[in-house]
Amino acid sequence: MAVETLIIWILVGAVAGWLAGLVIRGFGFGLIGNIVIGILGAILGGWLFGMAGIAIGAGVINAIFTAFIGAVVLLLIVRVLKRA
């Protein structure tokens, strides 16, 4: 993996995790946590959109959107599991 690709993954993860933390109240993970949540959200979001047959397209904005949706779903799952 090229260094540029890794940097883009980290930036997309940080932004998506931060946005998801703003939307889903009660979650604050710091910079490293936001990056992890965002990257896991990107994987989950890509899988969910693929299963739904939705093609978002390429580009950083679309990657952030996909990661954000996945991160929100991930945080909602964590919230439900925490309550159980």
PDB file of N, CA and C in Angstrom:
ATOM      1  N   MET A   1       0.849  -1.171   0.000  1.00  0.00           N
ATOM      2  CA  MET A   1       0.000   0.000   0.000  1.00  0.00           C
ATOM      3  C   MET A   1       0.896   1.236   0.000  1.00  0.00           C
ATOM      4  N   ALA A   2       0.570   2.167  -0.837  1.00  0.00           N
ATOM      5  CA  ALA A   2       1.354   3.394  -0.932  1.00  0.00           C
ATOM      6  C   ALA A   2       1.097   4.281   0.286  1.00  0.00           C
ATOM      7  N   VAL A   3       2.059   5.110   0.603  1.00  0.00           N
ATOM      8  CA  VAL A   3       1.950   6.004   1.751  1.00  0.00           C
ATOM      9  C   VAL A   3       0.776   6.965   1.563  1.00  0.00           C
ATOM     10  N   GLU A   4       0.569   7.431   0.327  1.00  0.00           N
ATOM     11  CA  GLU A   4      -0.526   8.354   0.055  1.00  0.00           C
ATOM     12  C   GLU A   4      -1.881   7.702   0.345  1.00  0.00           C
ATOM     13  N   THR A   5      -2.008   6.435  -0.023  1.00  0.00           N
ATOM     14  CA  THR A   5      -3.256   5.708   0.220  1.00  0.00           C
ATOM     15  C   THR A   5      -3.506   5.568   1.716  1.00  0.00           C
ATOM     16  N   LEU A   6      -2.471   5.257   2.458  1.00  0.00           N
ATOM     17  CA  LEU A   6      -2.594   5.120   3.907  1.00  0.00           C
ATOM     18  C   LEU A   6      -3.004   6.444   4.544  1.00  0.00           C
ATOM     19  N   ILE A   7      -2.423   7.537   4.087  1.00  0.00           N
ATOM     20  CA  ILE A   7      -2.765   8.859   4.621  1.00  0.00           C
ATOM     21  C   ILE A   7      -4.222   9.190   4.320  1.00  0.00           C
ATOM     22  N   ILE A   8      -4.684   8.879   3.123  1.00  0.00           N
ATOM     23  CA  ILE A   8      -6.083   9.139   2.764  1.00  0.00           C
ATOM     24  C   ILE A   8      -7.013   8.308   3.634  1.00  0.00           C
ATOM     25  N   TRP A   9      -6.689   7.024   3.862  1.00  0.00           N
ATOM     26  CA  TRP A   9      -7.507   6.174   4.744  1.00  0.00           C
ATOM     27  C   TRP A   9      -7.594   6.778   6.139  1.00  0.00           C
ATOM     28  N   ILE A  10      -6.472   7.252   6.655  1.00  0.00           N
ATOM     29  CA  ILE A  10      -6.446   7.829   7.998  1.00  0.00           C
ATOM     30  C   ILE A  10      -7.278   9.106   8.052  1.00  0.00           C
ATOM     31  N   LEU A  11      -7.141   9.969   7.062  1.00  0.00           N
ATOM     32  CA  LEU A  11      -7.908  11.217   7.043  1.00  0.00           C
ATOM     33  C   LEU A  11      -9.407  10.967   6.888  1.00  0.00           C
ATOM     34  N   VAL A  12      -9.772  10.066   5.980  1.00  0.00           N
ATOM     35  CA  VAL A  12     -11.185   9.730   5.794  1.00  0.00           C
ATOM     36  C   VAL A  12     -11.740   9.123   7.081  1.00  0.00           C
ATOM     37  N   GLY A  13     -10.997   8.231   7.697  1.00  0.00           N
ATOM     38  CA  GLY A  13     -11.431   7.622   8.950  1.00  0.00           C
ATOM     39  C   GLY A  13     -11.610   8.639  10.055  1.00  0.00           C
ATOM     40  N   ALA A  14     -10.673   9.575  10.170  1.00  0.00           N
ATOM     41  CA  ALA A  14     -10.762  10.597  11.213  1.00  0.00           C
ATOM     42  C   ALA A  14     -11.985  11.480  11.024  1.00  0.00           C
ATOM     43  N   VAL A  15     -12.223  11.927   9.798  1.00  0.00           N
ATOM     44  CA  VAL A  15     -13.372  12.796   9.530  1.00  0.00           C
ATOM     45  C   VAL A  15     -14.686  12.043   9.739  1.00  0.00           C
ATOM     46  N   ALA A  16     -14.784  10.832   9.205  1.00  0.00           N
ATOM     47  CA  ALA A  16     -16.014  10.058   9.333  1.00  0.00           C
ATOM     48  C   ALA A  16     -16.286   9.696  10.789  1.00  0.00           C
ATOM     49  N   GLY A  17     -15.267   9.301  11.533  1.00  0.00           N
ATOM     50  CA  GLY A  17     -15.449   8.980  12.948  1.00  0.00           C
ATOM     51  C   GLY A  17     -15.861  10.184  13.766  1.00  0.00           C
ATOM     52  N   TRP A  18     -15.258  11.334  13.469  1.00  0.00           N
ATOM     53  CA  TRP A  18     -15.609  12.568  14.169  1.00  0.00           C
ATOM     54  C   TRP A  18     -17.051  12.960  13.886  1.00  0.00           C
ATOM     55  N   LEU A  19     -17.465  12.907  12.609  1.00  0.00           N
ATOM     56  CA  LEU A  19     -18.844  13.248  12.254  1.00  0.00           C
ATOM     57  C   LEU A  19     -19.840  12.286  12.892  1.00  0.00           C
ATOM     58  N   ALA A  20     -19.519  11.001  12.881  1.00  0.00           N
ATOM     59  CA  ALA A  20     -20.411  10.016  13.495  1.00  0.00           C
ATOM     60  C   ALA A  20     -20.527  10.249  14.997  1.00  0.00           C
ATOM     61  N   GLY A  21     -19.421  10.627  15.634  1.00  0.00           N
ATOM     62  CA  GLY A  21     -19.453  10.941  17.062  1.00  0.00           C
ATOM     63  C   GLY A  21     -20.319  12.152  17.367  1.00  0.00           C
ATOM     64  N   LEU A  22     -20.382  13.105  16.436  1.00  0.00           N
ATOM     65  CA  LEU A  22     -21.252  14.265  16.619  1.00  0.00           C
ATOM     66  C   LEU A  22     -22.721  13.886  16.487  1.00  0.00           C
ATOM     67  N   VAL A  23     -23.023  13.002  15.544  1.00  0.00           N
ATOM     68  CA  VAL A  23     -24.404  12.613  15.291  1.00  0.00           C
ATOM     69  C   VAL A  23     -24.933  11.698  16.392  1.00  0.00           C
ATOM     70  N   ILE A  24     -24.130  10.731  16.789  1.00  0.00           N
ATOM     71  CA  ILE A  24     -24.522   9.792  17.827  1.00  0.00           C
ATOM     72  C   ILE A  24     -23.973  10.319  19.147  1.00  0.00           C
ATOM     73  N   ARG A  25     -24.817  10.973  19.897  1.00  0.00           N
ATOM     74  CA  ARG A  25     -24.393  11.608  21.149  1.00  0.00           C
ATOM     75  C   ARG A  25     -23.908  10.569  22.158  1.00  0.00           C
ATOM     76  N   GLY A  26     -22.981  10.981  22.990  1.00  0.00           N
ATOM     77  CA  GLY A  26     -22.476  10.109  24.028  1.00  0.00           C
ATOM     78  C   GLY A  26     -21.234   9.341  23.638  1.00  0.00           C
ATOM     79  N   PHE A  27     -20.747   9.557  22.431  1.00  0.00           N
ATOM     80  CA  PHE A  27     -19.542   8.868  21.989  1.00  0.00           C
ATOM     81  C   PHE A  27     -18.464   9.890  21.698  1.00  0.00           C
ATOM     82  N   GLY A  28     -17.340   9.754  22.377  1.00  0.00           N
ATOM     83  CA  GLY A  28     -16.170  10.567  22.128  1.00  0.00           C
ATOM     84  C   GLY A  28     -14.958   9.675  22.272  1.00  0.00           C
ATOM     85  N   PHE A  29     -14.242   9.452  21.209  1.00  0.00           N
ATOM     86  CA  PHE A  29     -13.165   8.483  21.235  1.00  0.00           C
ATOM     87  C   PHE A  29     -11.793   9.104  21.069  1.00  0.00           C
ATOM     88  N   GLY A  30     -11.692  10.380  20.837  1.00  0.00           N
ATOM     89  CA  GLY A  30     -10.400  10.993  20.574  1.00  0.00           C
ATOM     90  C   GLY A  30      -9.958  10.728  19.142  1.00  0.00           C
ATOM     91  N   LEU A  31      -8.810  11.224  18.786  1.00  0.00           N
ATOM     92  CA  LEU A  31      -8.342  11.141  17.403  1.00  0.00           C
ATOM     93  C   LEU A  31      -8.132   9.704  16.947  1.00  0.00           C
ATOM     94  N   ILE A  32      -7.425   8.907  17.728  1.00  0.00           N
ATOM     95  CA  ILE A  32      -7.148   7.523  17.333  1.00  0.00           C
ATOM     96  C   ILE A  32      -8.448   6.719  17.275  1.00  0.00           C
ATOM     97  N   GLY A  33      -9.309   6.921  18.258  1.00  0.00           N
ATOM     98  CA  GLY A  33     -10.598   6.232  18.261  1.00  0.00           C
ATOM     99  C   GLY A  33     -11.449   6.608  17.062  1.00  0.00           C
ATOM    100  N   ASN A  34     -11.465   7.897  16.709  1.00  0.00           N
ATOM    101  CA  ASN A  34     -12.219   8.344  15.538  1.00  0.00           C
ATOM    102  C   ASN A  34     -11.687   7.705  14.264  1.00  0.00           C
ATOM    103  N   ILE A  35     -10.370   7.602  14.153  1.00  0.00           N
ATOM    104  CA  ILE A  35      -9.781   6.983  12.970  1.00  0.00           C
ATOM    105  C   ILE A  35     -10.200   5.519  12.877  1.00  0.00           C
ATOM    106  N   VAL A  36     -10.124   4.799  13.997  1.00  0.00           N
ATOM    107  CA  VAL A  36     -10.510   3.382  14.005  1.00  0.00           C
ATOM    108  C   VAL A  36     -11.986   3.216  13.686  1.00  0.00           C
ATOM    109  N   ILE A  37     -12.839   4.013  14.342  1.00  0.00           N
ATOM    110  CA  ILE A  37     -14.282   3.948  14.082  1.00  0.00           C
ATOM    111  C   ILE A  37     -14.564   4.298  12.626  1.00  0.00           C
ATOM    112  N   GLY A  38     -13.900   5.304  12.091  1.00  0.00           N
ATOM    113  CA  GLY A  38     -14.107   5.704  10.699  1.00  0.00           C
ATOM    114  C   GLY A  38     -13.675   4.639   9.703  1.00  0.00           C
ATOM    115  N   ILE A  39     -12.531   4.005   9.956  1.00  0.00           N
ATOM    116  CA  ILE A  39     -12.055   2.964   9.034  1.00  0.00           C
ATOM    117  C   ILE A  39     -12.958   1.740   9.111  1.00  0.00           C
ATOM    118  N   LEU A  40     -13.334   1.338  10.328  1.00  0.00           N
ATOM    119  CA  LEU A  40     -14.288   0.224  10.461  1.00  0.00           C
ATOM    120  C   LEU A  40     -15.632   0.595   9.836  1.00  0.00           C
ATOM    121  N   GLY A  41     -16.022   1.858   9.983  1.00  0.00           N
ATOM    122  CA  GLY A  41     -17.258   2.336   9.356  1.00  0.00           C
ATOM    123  C   GLY A  41     -17.182   2.305   7.842  1.00  0.00           C
ATOM    124  N   ALA A  42     -16.005   2.598   7.290  1.00  0.00           N
ATOM    125  CA  ALA A  42     -15.831   2.542   5.834  1.00  0.00           C
ATOM    126  C   ALA A  42     -16.014   1.123   5.329  1.00  0.00           C
ATOM    127  N   ILE A  43     -15.457   0.172   6.072  1.00  0.00           N
ATOM    128  CA  ILE A  43     -15.611  -1.231   5.683  1.00  0.00           C
ATOM    129  C   ILE A  43     -17.067  -1.647   5.781  1.00  0.00           C
ATOM    130  N   LEU A  44     -17.708  -1.313   6.903  1.00  0.00           N
ATOM    131  CA  LEU A  44     -19.116  -1.661   7.103  1.00  0.00           C
ATOM    132  C   LEU A  44     -20.015  -0.948   6.097  1.00  0.00           C
ATOM    133  N   GLY A  45     -19.760   0.343   5.873  1.00  0.00           N
ATOM    134  CA  GLY A  45     -20.561   1.112   4.919  1.00  0.00           C
ATOM    135  C   GLY A  45     -20.427   0.589   3.503  1.00  0.00           C
ATOM    136  N   GLY A  46     -19.209   0.248   3.105  1.00  0.00           N
ATOM    137  CA  GLY A  46     -18.999  -0.325   1.775  1.00  0.00           C
ATOM    138  C   GLY A  46     -19.740  -1.638   1.613  1.00  0.00           C
ATOM    139  N   TRP A  47     -19.710  -2.455   2.661  1.00  0.00           N
ATOM    140  CA  TRP A  47     -20.435  -3.731   2.619  1.00  0.00           C
ATOM    141  C   TRP A  47     -21.944  -3.503   2.558  1.00  0.00           C
ATOM    142  N   LEU A  48     -22.456  -2.584   3.388  1.00  0.00           N
ATOM    143  CA  LEU A  48     -23.899  -2.318   3.400  1.00  0.00           C
ATOM    144  C   LEU A  48     -24.384  -1.765   2.061  1.00  0.00           C
ATOM    145  N   PHE A  49     -23.648  -0.797   1.516  1.00  0.00           N
ATOM    146  CA  PHE A  49     -24.041  -0.237   0.223  1.00  0.00           C
ATOM    147  C   PHE A  49     -23.957  -1.286  -0.880  1.00  0.00           C
ATOM    148  N   GLY A  50     -22.951  -2.141  -0.816  1.00  0.00           N
ATOM    149  CA  GLY A  50     -22.824  -3.214  -1.797  1.00  0.00           C
ATOM    150  C   GLY A  50     -23.990  -4.193  -1.715  1.00  0.00           C
ATOM    151  N   MET A  51     -24.386  -4.552  -0.493  1.00  0.00           N
ATOM    152  CA  MET A  51     -25.505  -5.474  -0.304  1.00  0.00           C
ATOM    153  C   MET A  51     -26.823  -4.855  -0.773  1.00  0.00           C
ATOM    154  N   ALA A  52     -26.936  -3.535  -0.635  1.00  0.00           N
ATOM    155  CA  ALA A  52     -28.150  -2.838  -1.060  1.00  0.00           C
ATOM    156  C   ALA A  52     -28.128  -2.520  -2.552  1.00  0.00           C
ATOM    157  N   GLY A  53     -26.994  -2.749  -3.215  1.00  0.00           N
ATOM    158  CA  GLY A  53     -26.891  -2.465  -4.642  1.00  0.00           C
ATOM    159  C   GLY A  53     -26.743  -0.983  -4.948  1.00  0.00           C
ATOM    160  N   ILE A  54     -26.249  -0.219  -3.976  1.00  0.00           N
ATOM    161  CA  ILE A  54     -26.073   1.220  -4.152  1.00  0.00           C
ATOM    162  C   ILE A  54     -24.623   1.496  -4.513  1.00  0.00           C
ATOM    163  N   ALA A  55     -24.412   2.179  -5.620  1.00  0.00           N
ATOM    164  CA  ALA A  55     -23.063   2.553  -6.052  1.00  0.00           C
ATOM    165  C   ALA A  55     -22.885   4.052  -5.832  1.00  0.00           C
ATOM    166  N   ILE A  56     -22.055   4.421  -4.888  1.00  0.00           N
ATOM    167  CA  ILE A  56     -21.837   5.819  -4.546  1.00  0.00           C
ATOM    168  C   ILE A  56     -20.888   6.485  -5.531  1.00  0.00           C
ATOM    169  N   GLY A  57     -19.878   5.776  -5.975  1.00  0.00           N
ATOM    170  CA  GLY A  57     -18.900   6.342  -6.893  1.00  0.00           C
ATOM    171  C   GLY A  57     -17.560   6.514  -6.207  1.00  0.00           C
ATOM    172  N   ALA A  58     -16.634   7.098  -6.920  1.00  0.00           N
ATOM    173  CA  ALA A  58     -15.281   7.275  -6.397  1.00  0.00           C
ATOM    174  C   ALA A  58     -15.088   8.705  -5.921  1.00  0.00           C
ATOM    175  N   GLY A  59     -14.062   8.920  -5.163  1.00  0.00           N
ATOM    176  CA  GLY A  59     -13.736  10.261  -4.684  1.00  0.00           C
ATOM    177  C   GLY A  59     -13.699  10.311  -3.168  1.00  0.00           C
ATOM    178  N   VAL A  60     -13.016  11.317  -2.666  1.00  0.00           N
ATOM    179  CA  VAL A  60     -12.833  11.433  -1.225  1.00  0.00           C
ATOM    180  C   VAL A  60     -14.153  11.755  -0.530  1.00  0.00           C
ATOM    181  N   ILE A  61     -14.966  12.629  -1.103  1.00  0.00           N
ATOM    182  CA  ILE A  61     -16.250  12.995  -0.487  1.00  0.00           C
ATOM    183  C   ILE A  61     -17.150  11.768  -0.400  1.00  0.00           C
ATOM    184  N   ASN A  62     -17.195  10.981  -1.448  1.00  0.00           N
ATOM    185  CA  ASN A  62     -18.010   9.770  -1.428  1.00  0.00           C
ATOM    186  C   ASN A  62     -17.468   8.757  -0.427  1.00  0.00           C
ATOM    187  N   ALA A  63     -16.164   8.677  -0.288  1.00  0.00           N
ATOM    188  CA  ALA A  63     -15.561   7.778   0.694  1.00  0.00           C
ATOM    189  C   ALA A  63     -15.906   8.223   2.110  1.00  0.00           C
ATOM    190  N   ILE A  64     -15.860   9.519   2.354  1.00  0.00           N
ATOM    191  CA  ILE A  64     -16.230  10.044   3.673  1.00  0.00           C
ATOM    192  C   ILE A  64     -17.694   9.754   3.957  1.00  0.00           C
ATOM    193  N   PHE A  65     -18.567   9.944   2.972  1.00  0.00           N
ATOM    194  CA  PHE A  65     -19.991   9.676   3.156  1.00  0.00           C
ATOM    195  C   PHE A  65     -20.226   8.206   3.488  1.00  0.00           C
ATOM    196  N   THR A  66     -19.608   7.315   2.731  1.00  0.00           N
ATOM    197  CA  THR A  66     -19.761   5.877   2.975  1.00  0.00           C
ATOM    198  C   THR A  66     -19.237   5.506   4.353  1.00  0.00           C
ATOM    199  N   ALA A  67     -18.071   6.016   4.718  1.00  0.00           N
ATOM    200  CA  ALA A  67     -17.488   5.728   6.023  1.00  0.00           C
ATOM    201  C   ALA A  67     -18.339   6.305   7.144  1.00  0.00           C
ATOM    202  N   PHE A  68     -18.890   7.486   6.924  1.00  0.00           N
ATOM    203  CA  PHE A  68     -19.753   8.124   7.923  1.00  0.00           C
ATOM    204  C   PHE A  68     -20.999   7.284   8.185  1.00  0.00           C
ATOM    205  N   ILE A  69     -21.663   6.843   7.125  1.00  0.00           N
ATOM    206  CA  ILE A  69     -22.867   6.019   7.287  1.00  0.00           C
ATOM    207  C   ILE A  69     -22.514   4.727   8.013  1.00  0.00           C
ATOM    208  N   GLY A  70     -21.428   4.096   7.613  1.00  0.00           N
ATOM    209  CA  GLY A  70     -20.994   2.869   8.280  1.00  0.00           C
ATOM    210  C   GLY A  70     -20.635   3.099   9.739  1.00  0.00           C
ATOM    211  N   ALA A  71     -19.981   4.217  10.040  1.00  0.00           N
ATOM    212  CA  ALA A  71     -19.598   4.527  11.418  1.00  0.00           C
ATOM    213  C   ALA A  71     -20.821   4.792  12.281  1.00  0.00           C
ATOM    214  N   VAL A  72     -21.831   5.466  11.728  1.00  0.00           N
ATOM    215  CA  VAL A  72     -23.077   5.702  12.476  1.00  0.00           C
ATOM    216  C   VAL A  72     -23.746   4.370  12.790  1.00  0.00           C
ATOM    217  N   VAL A  73     -23.830   3.484  11.792  1.00  0.00           N
ATOM    218  CA  VAL A  73     -24.427   2.168  12.022  1.00  0.00           C
ATOM    219  C   VAL A  73     -23.624   1.405  13.073  1.00  0.00           C
ATOM    220  N   LEU A  74     -22.302   1.467  12.984  1.00  0.00           N
ATOM    221  CA  LEU A  74     -21.443   0.789  13.948  1.00  0.00           C
ATOM    222  C   LEU A  74     -21.676   1.317  15.360  1.00  0.00           C
ATOM    223  N   LEU A  75     -21.750   2.631  15.522  1.00  0.00           N
ATOM    224  CA  LEU A  75     -21.976   3.213  16.849  1.00  0.00           C
ATOM    225  C   LEU A  75     -23.359   2.877  17.384  1.00  0.00           C
ATOM    226  N   LEU A  76     -24.351   2.795  16.501  1.00  0.00           N
ATOM    227  CA  LEU A  76     -25.687   2.384  16.945  1.00  0.00           C
ATOM    228  C   LEU A  76     -25.681   0.937  17.420  1.00  0.00           C
ATOM    229  N   ILE A  77     -24.960   0.078  16.722  1.00  0.00           N
ATOM    230  CA  ILE A  77     -24.842  -1.321  17.146  1.00  0.00           C
ATOM    231  C   ILE A  77     -24.147  -1.405  18.505  1.00  0.00           C
ATOM    232  N   VAL A  78     -23.075  -0.625  18.688  1.00  0.00           N
ATOM    233  CA  VAL A  78     -22.357  -0.616  19.964  1.00  0.00           C
ATOM    234  C   VAL A  78     -23.281  -0.138  21.080  1.00  0.00           C
ATOM    235  N   ARG A  79     -24.075   0.886  20.804  1.00  0.00           N
ATOM    236  CA  ARG A  79     -25.012   1.404  21.815  1.00  0.00           C
ATOM    237  C   ARG A  79     -26.030   0.353  22.215  1.00  0.00           C
ATOM    238  N   VAL A  80     -26.583  -0.361  21.238  1.00  0.00           N
ATOM    239  CA  VAL A  80     -27.561  -1.406  21.542  1.00  0.00           C
ATOM    240  C   VAL A  80     -26.917  -2.531  22.344  1.00  0.00           C
ATOM    241  N   LEU A  81     -25.719  -2.941  21.963  1.00  0.00           N
ATOM    242  CA  LEU A  81     -25.031  -4.019  22.677  1.00  0.00           C
ATOM    243  C   LEU A  81     -24.630  -3.605  24.088  1.00  0.00           C
ATOM    244  N   LYS A  82     -24.304  -2.337  24.283  1.00  0.00           N
ATOM    245  CA  LYS A  82     -23.952  -1.848  25.613  1.00  0.00           C
ATOM    246  C   LYS A  82     -25.128  -1.912  26.575  1.00  0.00           C
ATOM    247  N   ARG A  83     -26.311  -1.639  26.061  1.00  0.00           N
ATOM    248  CA  ARG A  83     -27.518  -1.656  26.887  1.00  0.00           C
ATOM    249  C   ARG A  83     -27.957  -3.056  27.248  1.00  0.00           C
ATOM    250  N   ALA A  84     -27.592  -4.029  26.411  1.00  0.00           N
ATOM    251  CA  ALA A  84     -28.044  -5.409  26.638  1.00  0.00           C
ATOM    252  C   ALA A  84     -27.257  -6.102  27.717  1.00  0.00           C
TER     253      ALA A  84
END
